[in-house]
Amino acid sequence: YIVVGAALFSNWEGWSYIDAAYFSFITFTTIGLGDLVPG
């Protein structure tokens, strides 16, 4: 599920694949550091 989301966010936001996967994991675990935010 994280891999699928990483592909979507890397395409939509222009993030790297690792950053998009990192964003998904940080969000799903409700950590929410805020260094990467969709928008």
Full PDB file with SEQRES, HELIX, SHEET, SSBOND, CRYST1, ORIGX, SCALE, CONECT and MASTER records, all heavy atoms in Angstrom:
SEQRES   1 A   39  TYR ILE VAL VAL GLY ALA ALA LEU PHE SER ASN TRP GLU          
SEQRES   2 A   39  GLY TRP SER TYR ILE ASP ALA ALA TYR PHE SER PHE ILE          
SEQRES   3 A   39  THR PHE THR THR ILE GLY LEU GLY ASP LEU VAL PRO GLY          
HELIX    1 AA1 ILE A    2  GLU A   13  1                                  12    
HELIX    2 AA2 TYR A   17  PHE A   28  1                                  12    
CRYST1    1.000    1.000    1.000  90.00  90.00  90.00 P 1           1          
ORIGX1      1.000000  0.000000  0.000000        0.00000                         
ORIGX2      0.000000  1.000000  0.000000        0.00000                         
ORIGX3      0.000000  0.000000  1.000000        0.00000                         
SCALE1      1.000000  0.000000  0.000000        0.00000                         
SCALE2      0.000000  1.000000  0.000000        0.00000                         
SCALE3      0.000000  0.000000  1.000000        0.00000                         
ATOM      1  N   TYR A   1       0.828  -1.205   0.000  1.00  0.00           N  
ATOM      2  CA  TYR A   1       0.000   0.000   0.000  1.00  0.00           C  
ATOM      3  C   TYR A   1       0.866   1.259   0.000  1.00  0.00           C  
ATOM      4  O   TYR A   1       0.544   2.245  -0.676  1.00  0.00           O  
ATOM      5  CB  TYR A   1      -0.916  -0.017   1.223  1.00  0.00           C  
ATOM      6  CG  TYR A   1      -2.067   0.957   1.140  1.00  0.00           C  
ATOM      7  CD1 TYR A   1      -3.216   0.650   0.425  1.00  0.00           C  
ATOM      8  CD2 TYR A   1      -1.992   2.192   1.782  1.00  0.00           C  
ATOM      9  CE1 TYR A   1      -4.265   1.545   0.350  1.00  0.00           C  
ATOM     10  CE2 TYR A   1      -3.040   3.095   1.705  1.00  0.00           C  
ATOM     11  CZ  TYR A   1      -4.172   2.768   0.989  1.00  0.00           C  
ATOM     12  OH  TYR A   1      -5.202   3.666   0.906  1.00  0.00           O  
ATOM     13  N   ILE A   2       1.961   1.234   0.750  1.00  0.00           N  
ATOM     14  CA  ILE A   2       2.865   2.390   0.771  1.00  0.00           C  
ATOM     15  C   ILE A   2       3.536   2.578  -0.579  1.00  0.00           C  
ATOM     16  O   ILE A   2       3.726   3.713  -1.054  1.00  0.00           O  
ATOM     17  CB  ILE A   2       3.905   2.212   1.890  1.00  0.00           C  
ATOM     18  CG1 ILE A   2       3.224   2.341   3.266  1.00  0.00           C  
ATOM     19  CG2 ILE A   2       5.028   3.237   1.771  1.00  0.00           C  
ATOM     20  CD1 ILE A   2       4.157   2.103   4.430  1.00  0.00           C  
ATOM     21  N   VAL A   3       3.890   1.475  -1.238  1.00  0.00           N  
ATOM     22  CA  VAL A   3       4.535   1.561  -2.555  1.00  0.00           C  
ATOM     23  C   VAL A   3       3.592   2.189  -3.575  1.00  0.00           C  
ATOM     24  O   VAL A   3       3.994   3.042  -4.384  1.00  0.00           O  
ATOM     25  CB  VAL A   3       4.986   0.154  -3.003  1.00  0.00           C  
ATOM     26  CG1 VAL A   3       5.339   0.143  -4.482  1.00  0.00           C  
ATOM     27  CG2 VAL A   3       6.189  -0.298  -2.192  1.00  0.00           C  
ATOM     28  N   VAL A   4       2.309   1.796  -3.551  1.00  0.00           N  
ATOM     29  CA  VAL A   4       1.327   2.388  -4.468  1.00  0.00           C  
ATOM     30  C   VAL A   4       1.173   3.880  -4.195  1.00  0.00           C  
ATOM     31  O   VAL A   4       1.154   4.711  -5.124  1.00  0.00           O  
ATOM     32  CB  VAL A   4      -0.023   1.662  -4.331  1.00  0.00           C  
ATOM     33  CG1 VAL A   4      -1.103   2.363  -5.141  1.00  0.00           C  
ATOM     34  CG2 VAL A   4       0.107   0.216  -4.788  1.00  0.00           C  
ATOM     35  N   GLY A   5       1.067   4.261  -2.916  1.00  0.00           N  
ATOM     36  CA  GLY A   5       0.957   5.680  -2.581  1.00  0.00           C  
ATOM     37  C   GLY A   5       2.202   6.464  -2.935  1.00  0.00           C  
ATOM     38  O   GLY A   5       2.117   7.634  -3.345  1.00  0.00           O  
ATOM     39  N   ALA A   6       3.375   5.844  -2.795  1.00  0.00           N  
ATOM     40  CA  ALA A   6       4.618   6.525  -3.156  1.00  0.00           C  
ATOM     41  C   ALA A   6       4.657   6.836  -4.643  1.00  0.00           C  
ATOM     42  O   ALA A   6       5.118   7.914  -5.056  1.00  0.00           O  
ATOM     43  CB  ALA A   6       5.817   5.661  -2.755  1.00  0.00           C  
ATOM     44  N   ALA A   7       4.137   5.920  -5.460  1.00  0.00           N  
ATOM     45  CA  ALA A   7       4.089   6.175  -6.898  1.00  0.00           C  
ATOM     46  C   ALA A   7       3.147   7.331  -7.223  1.00  0.00           C  
ATOM     47  O   ALA A   7       3.459   8.180  -8.084  1.00  0.00           O  
ATOM     48  CB  ALA A   7       3.656   4.906  -7.635  1.00  0.00           C  
ATOM     49  N   LEU A   8       2.009   7.404  -6.526  1.00  0.00           N  
ATOM     50  CA  LEU A   8       1.058   8.486  -6.781  1.00  0.00           C  
ATOM     51  C   LEU A   8       1.621   9.837  -6.364  1.00  0.00           C  
ATOM     52  O   LEU A   8       1.586  10.812  -7.127  1.00  0.00           O  
ATOM     53  CB  LEU A   8      -0.247   8.204  -6.030  1.00  0.00           C  
ATOM     54  CG  LEU A   8      -1.091   7.028  -6.518  1.00  0.00           C  
ATOM     55  CD1 LEU A   8      -2.298   6.837  -5.618  1.00  0.00           C  
ATOM     56  CD2 LEU A   8      -1.534   7.247  -7.951  1.00  0.00           C  
ATOM     57  N   PHE A   9       2.149   9.925  -5.130  1.00  0.00           N  
ATOM     58  CA  PHE A   9       2.625  11.211  -4.630  1.00  0.00           C  
ATOM     59  C   PHE A   9       3.895  11.669  -5.342  1.00  0.00           C  
ATOM     60  O   PHE A   9       4.119  12.878  -5.484  1.00  0.00           O  
ATOM     61  CB  PHE A   9       2.851  11.137  -3.122  1.00  0.00           C  
ATOM     62  CG  PHE A   9       1.577  11.195  -2.326  1.00  0.00           C  
ATOM     63  CD1 PHE A   9       1.104  10.063  -1.676  1.00  0.00           C  
ATOM     64  CD2 PHE A   9       0.852  12.367  -2.227  1.00  0.00           C  
ATOM     65  CE1 PHE A   9      -0.072  10.105  -0.946  1.00  0.00           C  
ATOM     66  CE2 PHE A   9      -0.325  12.426  -1.500  1.00  0.00           C  
ATOM     67  CZ  PHE A   9      -0.797  11.283  -0.859  1.00  0.00           C  
ATOM     68  N   SER A  10       4.734  10.759  -5.740  1.00  0.00           N  
ATOM     69  CA  SER A  10       5.918  11.169  -6.492  1.00  0.00           C  
ATOM     70  C   SER A  10       5.529  11.754  -7.842  1.00  0.00           C  
ATOM     71  O   SER A  10       6.214  12.651  -8.361  1.00  0.00           O  
ATOM     72  CB  SER A  10       6.849   9.972  -6.688  1.00  0.00           C  
ATOM     73  OG  SER A  10       6.209   8.966  -7.458  1.00  0.00           O  
ATOM     74  N   ASN A  11       4.407  11.289  -8.401  1.00  0.00           N  
ATOM     75  CA  ASN A  11       3.928  11.830  -9.670  1.00  0.00           C  
ATOM     76  C   ASN A  11       3.190  13.145  -9.482  1.00  0.00           C  
ATOM     77  O   ASN A  11       3.357  14.088 -10.257  1.00  0.00           O  
ATOM     78  CB  ASN A  11       3.018  10.796 -10.343  1.00  0.00           C  
ATOM     79  CG  ASN A  11       2.579  11.228 -11.735  1.00  0.00           C  
ATOM     80  OD1 ASN A  11       3.204  12.061 -12.364  1.00  0.00           O  
ATOM     81  ND2 ASN A  11       1.482  10.656 -12.208  1.00  0.00           N  
ATOM     82  N   TRP A  12       2.352  13.226  -8.442  1.00  0.00           N  
ATOM     83  CA  TRP A  12       1.562  14.427  -8.225  1.00  0.00           C  
ATOM     84  C   TRP A  12       2.384  15.578  -7.674  1.00  0.00           C  
ATOM     85  O   TRP A  12       2.268  16.718  -8.135  1.00  0.00           O  
ATOM     86  CB  TRP A  12       0.428  14.126  -7.255  1.00  0.00           C  
ATOM     87  CG  TRP A  12      -0.628  13.218  -7.796  1.00  0.00           C  
ATOM     88  CD1 TRP A  12      -0.804  12.867  -9.102  1.00  0.00           C  
ATOM     89  CD2 TRP A  12      -1.644  12.538  -7.055  1.00  0.00           C  
ATOM     90  NE1 TRP A  12      -1.864  12.013  -9.223  1.00  0.00           N  
ATOM     91  CE2 TRP A  12      -2.415  11.788  -7.993  1.00  0.00           C  
ATOM     92  CE3 TRP A  12      -1.987  12.492  -5.711  1.00  0.00           C  
ATOM     93  CZ2 TRP A  12      -3.496  11.001  -7.598  1.00  0.00           C  
ATOM     94  CZ3 TRP A  12      -3.069  11.713  -5.318  1.00  0.00           C  
ATOM     95  CH2 TRP A  12      -3.817  10.977  -6.256  1.00  0.00           C  
ATOM     96  N   GLU A  13       3.205  15.313  -6.672  1.00  0.00           N  
ATOM     97  CA  GLU A  13       3.906  16.374  -5.953  1.00  0.00           C  
ATOM     98  C   GLU A  13       5.315  16.631  -6.453  1.00  0.00           C  
ATOM     99  O   GLU A  13       5.941  17.612  -6.043  1.00  0.00           O  
ATOM    100  CB  GLU A  13       3.968  16.021  -4.459  1.00  0.00           C  
ATOM    101  CG  GLU A  13       2.621  15.844  -3.790  1.00  0.00           C  
ATOM    102  CD  GLU A  13       1.840  17.143  -3.693  1.00  0.00           C  
ATOM    103  OE1 GLU A  13       2.483  18.222  -3.709  1.00  0.00           O  
ATOM    104  OE2 GLU A  13       0.603  17.093  -3.614  1.00  0.00           O  
ATOM    105  N   GLY A  14       5.824  15.750  -7.300  1.00  0.00           N  
ATOM    106  CA  GLY A  14       7.194  15.926  -7.765  1.00  0.00           C  
ATOM    107  C   GLY A  14       8.229  15.509  -6.745  1.00  0.00           C  
ATOM    108  O   GLY A  14       9.393  15.907  -6.844  1.00  0.00           O  
ATOM    109  N   TRP A  15       7.821  14.720  -5.743  1.00  0.00           N  
ATOM    110  CA  TRP A  15       8.765  14.229  -4.742  1.00  0.00           C  
ATOM    111  C   TRP A  15       9.548  13.043  -5.295  1.00  0.00           C  
ATOM    112  O   TRP A  15       9.159  12.431  -6.287  1.00  0.00           O  
ATOM    113  CB  TRP A  15       8.032  13.782  -3.471  1.00  0.00           C  
ATOM    114  CG  TRP A  15       7.293  14.868  -2.767  1.00  0.00           C  
ATOM    115  CD1 TRP A  15       7.507  16.210  -2.865  1.00  0.00           C  
ATOM    116  CD2 TRP A  15       6.199  14.706  -1.849  1.00  0.00           C  
ATOM    117  NE1 TRP A  15       6.632  16.900  -2.073  1.00  0.00           N  
ATOM    118  CE2 TRP A  15       5.814  16.003  -1.433  1.00  0.00           C  
ATOM    119  CE3 TRP A  15       5.524  13.619  -1.338  1.00  0.00           C  
ATOM    120  CZ2 TRP A  15       4.780  16.224  -0.545  1.00  0.00           C  
ATOM    121  CZ3 TRP A  15       4.486  13.819  -0.434  1.00  0.00           C  
ATOM    122  CH2 TRP A  15       4.118  15.107  -0.040  1.00  0.00           C  
ATOM    123  N   SER A  16      10.632  12.751  -4.624  1.00  0.00           N  
ATOM    124  CA  SER A  16      11.339  11.523  -4.952  1.00  0.00           C  
ATOM    125  C   SER A  16      10.537  10.324  -4.436  1.00  0.00           C  
ATOM    126  O   SER A  16       9.681  10.468  -3.566  1.00  0.00           O  
ATOM    127  CB  SER A  16      12.742  11.521  -4.341  1.00  0.00           C  
ATOM    128  OG  SER A  16      12.671  11.482  -2.920  1.00  0.00           O  
ATOM    129  N   TYR A  17      10.848   9.160  -4.975  1.00  0.00           N  
ATOM    130  CA  TYR A  17      10.086   7.969  -4.584  1.00  0.00           C  
ATOM    131  C   TYR A  17      10.285   7.660  -3.107  1.00  0.00           C  
ATOM    132  O   TYR A  17       9.333   7.266  -2.419  1.00  0.00           O  
ATOM    133  CB  TYR A  17      10.532   6.791  -5.446  1.00  0.00           C  
ATOM    134  CG  TYR A  17       9.580   5.631  -5.420  1.00  0.00           C  
ATOM    135  CD1 TYR A  17       8.429   5.632  -6.201  1.00  0.00           C  
ATOM    136  CD2 TYR A  17       9.829   4.533  -4.611  1.00  0.00           C  
ATOM    137  CE1 TYR A  17       7.543   4.571  -6.170  1.00  0.00           C  
ATOM    138  CE2 TYR A  17       8.950   3.467  -4.573  1.00  0.00           C  
ATOM    139  CZ  TYR A  17       7.811   3.486  -5.354  1.00  0.00           C  
ATOM    140  OH  TYR A  17       6.938   2.435  -5.314  1.00  0.00           O  
ATOM    141  N   ILE A  18      11.490   7.847  -2.608  1.00  0.00           N  
ATOM    142  CA  ILE A  18      11.775   7.580  -1.193  1.00  0.00           C  
ATOM    143  C   ILE A  18      11.027   8.571  -0.305  1.00  0.00           C  
ATOM    144  O   ILE A  18      10.460   8.192   0.732  1.00  0.00           O  
ATOM    145  CB  ILE A  18      13.282   7.633  -0.923  1.00  0.00           C  
ATOM    146  CG1 ILE A  18      14.007   6.584  -1.775  1.00  0.00           C  
ATOM    147  CG2 ILE A  18      13.582   7.411   0.552  1.00  0.00           C  
ATOM    148  CD1 ILE A  18      13.601   5.159  -1.479  1.00  0.00           C  
ATOM    149  N   ASP A  19      11.017   9.851  -0.695  1.00  0.00           N  
ATOM    150  CA  ASP A  19      10.301  10.856   0.094  1.00  0.00           C  
ATOM    151  C   ASP A  19       8.800  10.581   0.125  1.00  0.00           C  
ATOM    152  O   ASP A  19       8.150  10.770   1.167  1.00  0.00           O  
ATOM    153  CB  ASP A  19      10.557  12.251  -0.479  1.00  0.00           C  
ATOM    154  CG  ASP A  19      11.962  12.747  -0.180  1.00  0.00           C  
ATOM    155  OD1 ASP A  19      12.599  12.185   0.742  1.00  0.00           O  
ATOM    156  OD2 ASP A  19      12.423  13.668  -0.866  1.00  0.00           O  
ATOM    157  N   ALA A  20       8.252  10.129  -1.002  1.00  0.00           N  
ATOM    158  CA  ALA A  20       6.819   9.842  -1.041  1.00  0.00           C  
ATOM    159  C   ALA A  20       6.477   8.641  -0.158  1.00  0.00           C  
ATOM    160  O   ALA A  20       5.463   8.655   0.559  1.00  0.00           O  
ATOM    161  CB  ALA A  20       6.383   9.582  -2.486  1.00  0.00           C  
ATOM    162  N   ALA A  21       7.312   7.612  -0.173  1.00  0.00           N  
ATOM    163  CA  ALA A  21       7.087   6.461   0.702  1.00  0.00           C  
ATOM    164  C   ALA A  21       7.251   6.857   2.167  1.00  0.00           C  
ATOM    165  O   ALA A  21       6.485   6.421   3.038  1.00  0.00           O  
ATOM    166  CB  ALA A  21       8.049   5.332   0.339  1.00  0.00           C  
ATOM    167  N   TYR A  22       8.239   7.703   2.434  1.00  0.00           N  
ATOM    168  CA  TYR A  22       8.455   8.188   3.802  1.00  0.00           C  
ATOM    169  C   TYR A  22       7.256   8.997   4.289  1.00  0.00           C  
ATOM    170  O   TYR A  22       6.808   8.846   5.434  1.00  0.00           O  
ATOM    171  CB  TYR A  22       9.729   9.029   3.827  1.00  0.00           C  
ATOM    172  CG  TYR A  22       9.852   9.984   4.984  1.00  0.00           C  
ATOM    173  CD1 TYR A  22      10.240   9.531   6.245  1.00  0.00           C  
ATOM    174  CD2 TYR A  22       9.594  11.343   4.822  1.00  0.00           C  
ATOM    175  CE1 TYR A  22      10.358  10.416   7.313  1.00  0.00           C  
ATOM    176  CE2 TYR A  22       9.714  12.227   5.876  1.00  0.00           C  
ATOM    177  CZ  TYR A  22      10.094  11.760   7.116  1.00  0.00           C  
ATOM    178  OH  TYR A  22      10.209  12.628   8.159  1.00  0.00           O  
ATOM    179  N   PHE A  23       6.688   9.836   3.414  1.00  0.00           N  
ATOM    180  CA  PHE A  23       5.512  10.619   3.783  1.00  0.00           C  
ATOM    181  C   PHE A  23       4.330   9.709   4.116  1.00  0.00           C  
ATOM    182  O   PHE A  23       3.601   9.942   5.093  1.00  0.00           O  
ATOM    183  CB  PHE A  23       5.140  11.566   2.640  1.00  0.00           C  
ATOM    184  CG  PHE A  23       3.737  12.082   2.715  1.00  0.00           C  
ATOM    185  CD1 PHE A  23       3.392  13.072   3.616  1.00  0.00           C  
ATOM    186  CD2 PHE A  23       2.746  11.553   1.892  1.00  0.00           C  
ATOM    187  CE1 PHE A  23       2.090  13.537   3.704  1.00  0.00           C  
ATOM    188  CE2 PHE A  23       1.442  12.019   1.966  1.00  0.00           C  
ATOM    189  CZ  PHE A  23       1.118  13.014   2.881  1.00  0.00           C  
ATOM    190  N   SER A  24       4.120   8.664   3.318  1.00  0.00           N  
ATOM    191  CA  SER A  24       3.007   7.748   3.574  1.00  0.00           C  
ATOM    192  C   SER A  24       3.176   7.047   4.911  1.00  0.00           C  
ATOM    193  O   SER A  24       2.221   6.940   5.701  1.00  0.00           O  
ATOM    194  CB  SER A  24       2.905   6.714   2.445  1.00  0.00           C  
ATOM    195  OG  SER A  24       2.636   7.339   1.211  1.00  0.00           O  
ATOM    196  N   PHE A  25       4.380   6.572   5.202  1.00  0.00           N  
ATOM    197  CA  PHE A  25       4.609   5.871   6.462  1.00  0.00           C  
ATOM    198  C   PHE A  25       4.429   6.807   7.652  1.00  0.00           C  
ATOM    199  O   PHE A  25       3.807   6.440   8.656  1.00  0.00           O  
ATOM    200  CB  PHE A  25       6.010   5.270   6.480  1.00  0.00           C  
ATOM    201  CG  PHE A  25       6.336   4.543   7.754  1.00  0.00           C  
ATOM    202  CD1 PHE A  25       5.881   3.255   7.974  1.00  0.00           C  
ATOM    203  CD2 PHE A  25       7.085   5.165   8.754  1.00  0.00           C  
ATOM    204  CE1 PHE A  25       6.169   2.582   9.157  1.00  0.00           C  
ATOM    205  CE2 PHE A  25       7.376   4.510   9.937  1.00  0.00           C  
ATOM    206  CZ  PHE A  25       6.917   3.208  10.136  1.00  0.00           C  
ATOM    207  N   ILE A  26       4.951   8.027   7.561  1.00  0.00           N  
ATOM    208  CA  ILE A  26       4.822   8.987   8.661  1.00  0.00           C  
ATOM    209  C   ILE A  26       3.361   9.353   8.890  1.00  0.00           C  
ATOM    210  O   ILE A  26       2.926   9.565  10.031  1.00  0.00           O  
ATOM    211  CB  ILE A  26       5.667  10.240   8.357  1.00  0.00           C  
ATOM    212  CG1 ILE A  26       7.161   9.907   8.416  1.00  0.00           C  
ATOM    213  CG2 ILE A  26       5.359  11.352   9.342  1.00  0.00           C  
ATOM    214  CD1 ILE A  26       7.638   9.439   9.769  1.00  0.00           C  
ATOM    215  N   THR A  27       2.571   9.391   7.822  1.00  0.00           N  
ATOM    216  CA  THR A  27       1.159   9.715   7.959  1.00  0.00           C  
ATOM    217  C   THR A  27       0.378   8.549   8.554  1.00  0.00           C  
ATOM    218  O   THR A  27      -0.433   8.731   9.472  1.00  0.00           O  
ATOM    219  CB  THR A  27       0.564  10.093   6.598  1.00  0.00           C  
ATOM    220  OG1 THR A  27       1.260  11.230   6.083  1.00  0.00           O  
ATOM    221  CG2 THR A  27      -0.913  10.442   6.727  1.00  0.00           C  
ATOM    222  N   PHE A  28       0.620   7.338   8.061  1.00  0.00           N  
ATOM    223  CA  PHE A  28      -0.143   6.176   8.523  1.00  0.00           C  
ATOM    224  C   PHE A  28       0.131   5.859   9.987  1.00  0.00           C  
ATOM    225  O   PHE A  28      -0.736   5.340  10.683  1.00  0.00           O  
ATOM    226  CB  PHE A  28       0.174   4.957   7.670  1.00  0.00           C  
ATOM    227  CG  PHE A  28      -0.240   5.104   6.231  1.00  0.00           C  
ATOM    228  CD1 PHE A  28       0.355   4.354   5.244  1.00  0.00           C  
ATOM    229  CD2 PHE A  28      -1.223   6.009   5.867  1.00  0.00           C  
ATOM    230  CE1 PHE A  28      -0.020   4.487   3.930  1.00  0.00           C  
ATOM    231  CE2 PHE A  28      -1.603   6.157   4.546  1.00  0.00           C  
ATOM    232  CZ  PHE A  28      -0.993   5.386   3.579  1.00  0.00           C  
ATOM    233  N   THR A  29       1.323   6.161  10.449  1.00  0.00           N  
ATOM    234  CA  THR A  29       1.639   5.938  11.860  1.00  0.00           C  
ATOM    235  C   THR A  29       1.248   7.132  12.731  1.00  0.00           C  
ATOM    236  O   THR A  29       1.549   7.130  13.927  1.00  0.00           O  
ATOM    237  CB  THR A  29       3.144   5.655  12.021  1.00  0.00           C  
ATOM    238  OG1 THR A  29       3.899   6.699  11.396  1.00  0.00           O  
ATOM    239  CG2 THR A  29       3.525   4.327  11.388  1.00  0.00           C  
ATOM    240  N   THR A  30       0.585   8.122  12.154  1.00  0.00           N  
ATOM    241  CA  THR A  30       0.087   9.341  12.818  1.00  0.00           C  
ATOM    242  C   THR A  30       1.192  10.139  13.486  1.00  0.00           C  
ATOM    243  O   THR A  30       0.946  10.859  14.454  1.00  0.00           O  
ATOM    244  CB  THR A  30      -1.009   9.013  13.862  1.00  0.00           C  
ATOM    245  OG1 THR A  30      -0.445   8.274  14.945  1.00  0.00           O  
ATOM    246  CG2 THR A  30      -2.142   8.222  13.242  1.00  0.00           C  
ATOM    247  N   ILE A  31       2.419  10.013  12.985  1.00  0.00           N  
ATOM    248  CA  ILE A  31       3.514  10.842  13.505  1.00  0.00           C  
ATOM    249  C   ILE A  31       3.352  12.266  12.997  1.00  0.00           C  
ATOM    250  O   ILE A  31       3.340  13.223  13.773  1.00  0.00           O  
ATOM    251  CB  ILE A  31       4.873  10.254  13.096  1.00  0.00           C  
ATOM    252  CG1 ILE A  31       5.039   8.866  13.708  1.00  0.00           C  
ATOM    253  CG2 ILE A  31       6.020  11.162  13.535  1.00  0.00           C  
ATOM    254  CD1 ILE A  31       6.277   8.124  13.250  1.00  0.00           C  
ATOM    255  N   GLY A  32       3.233  12.429  11.677  1.00  0.00           N  
ATOM    256  CA  GLY A  32       2.925  13.728  11.088  1.00  0.00           C  
ATOM    257  C   GLY A  32       3.937  14.812  11.399  1.00  0.00           C  
ATOM    258  O   GLY A  32       3.596  15.823  12.004  1.00  0.00           O  
ATOM    259  N   LEU A  33       5.186  14.608  11.000  1.00  0.00           N  
ATOM    260  CA  LEU A  33       6.226  15.605  11.293  1.00  0.00           C  
ATOM    261  C   LEU A  33       5.977  16.921  10.565  1.00  0.00           C  
ATOM    262  O   LEU A  33       6.339  17.978  11.061  1.00  0.00           O  
ATOM    263  CB  LEU A  33       7.597  15.037  10.923  1.00  0.00           C  
ATOM    264  CG  LEU A  33       8.026  13.808  11.740  1.00  0.00           C  
ATOM    265  CD1 LEU A  33       9.350  13.266  11.232  1.00  0.00           C  
ATOM    266  CD2 LEU A  33       8.130  14.160  13.211  1.00  0.00           C  
ATOM    267  N   GLY A  34       5.388  16.867   9.374  1.00  0.00           N  
ATOM    268  CA  GLY A  34       5.072  18.091   8.658  1.00  0.00           C  
ATOM    269  C   GLY A  34       6.167  18.567   7.736  1.00  0.00           C  
ATOM    270  O   GLY A  34       6.027  19.643   7.142  1.00  0.00           O  
ATOM    271  N   ASP A  35       7.282  17.813   7.615  1.00  0.00           N  
ATOM    272  CA  ASP A  35       8.328  18.234   6.690  1.00  0.00           C  
ATOM    273  C   ASP A  35       7.912  18.032   5.243  1.00  0.00           C  
ATOM    274  O   ASP A  35       8.379  18.750   4.350  1.00  0.00           O  
ATOM    275  CB  ASP A  35       9.630  17.471   6.983  1.00  0.00           C  
ATOM    276  CG  ASP A  35       9.408  15.981   7.089  1.00  0.00           C  
ATOM    277  OD1 ASP A  35       8.234  15.566   7.166  1.00  0.00           O  
ATOM    278  OD2 ASP A  35      10.390  15.227   7.097  1.00  0.00           O  
ATOM    279  N   LEU A  36       7.034  17.066   4.990  1.00  0.00           N  
ATOM    280  CA  LEU A  36       6.457  16.858   3.667  1.00  0.00           C  
ATOM    281  C   LEU A  36       4.945  16.881   3.805  1.00  0.00           C  
ATOM    282  O   LEU A  36       4.368  16.104   4.566  1.00  0.00           O  
ATOM    283  CB  LEU A  36       6.905  15.513   3.079  1.00  0.00           C  
ATOM    284  CG  LEU A  36       8.386  15.389   2.712  1.00  0.00           C  
ATOM    285  CD1 LEU A  36       8.709  13.967   2.298  1.00  0.00           C  
ATOM    286  CD2 LEU A  36       8.747  16.356   1.597  1.00  0.00           C  
ATOM    287  N   VAL A  37       4.284  17.794   3.069  1.00  0.00           N  
ATOM    288  CA  VAL A  37       2.834  17.945   3.150  1.00  0.00           C  
ATOM    289  C   VAL A  37       2.294  18.041   1.729  1.00  0.00           C  
ATOM    290  O   VAL A  37       2.826  18.814   0.921  1.00  0.00           O  
ATOM    291  CB  VAL A  37       2.439  19.210   3.947  1.00  0.00           C  
ATOM    292  CG1 VAL A  37       0.924  19.378   3.977  1.00  0.00           C  
ATOM    293  CG2 VAL A  37       2.999  19.139   5.356  1.00  0.00           C  
ATOM    294  N   PRO A  38       1.279  17.259   1.386  1.00  0.00           N  
ATOM    295  CA  PRO A  38       0.707  17.384   0.037  1.00  0.00           C  
ATOM    296  C   PRO A  38       0.016  18.718  -0.139  1.00  0.00           C  
ATOM    297  O   PRO A  38      -0.564  19.261   0.795  1.00  0.00           O  
ATOM    298  CB  PRO A  38      -0.290  16.215  -0.025  1.00  0.00           C  
ATOM    299  CG  PRO A  38      -0.661  15.965   1.388  1.00  0.00           C  
ATOM    300  CD  PRO A  38       0.580  16.251   2.188  1.00  0.00           C  
ATOM    301  N   GLY A  39       0.085  19.257  -1.332  1.00  0.00           N  
ATOM    302  CA  GLY A  39      -0.547  20.539  -1.569  1.00  0.00           C  
ATOM    303  C   GLY A  39      -0.219  21.133  -2.912  1.00  0.00           C  
ATOM    304  O   GLY A  39      -1.038  21.812  -3.513  1.00  0.00           O  
TER     305      GLY A  39                                                      
MASTER        0    0    0    2    0    0    0    6  304    1    0    3          
END                                                                             
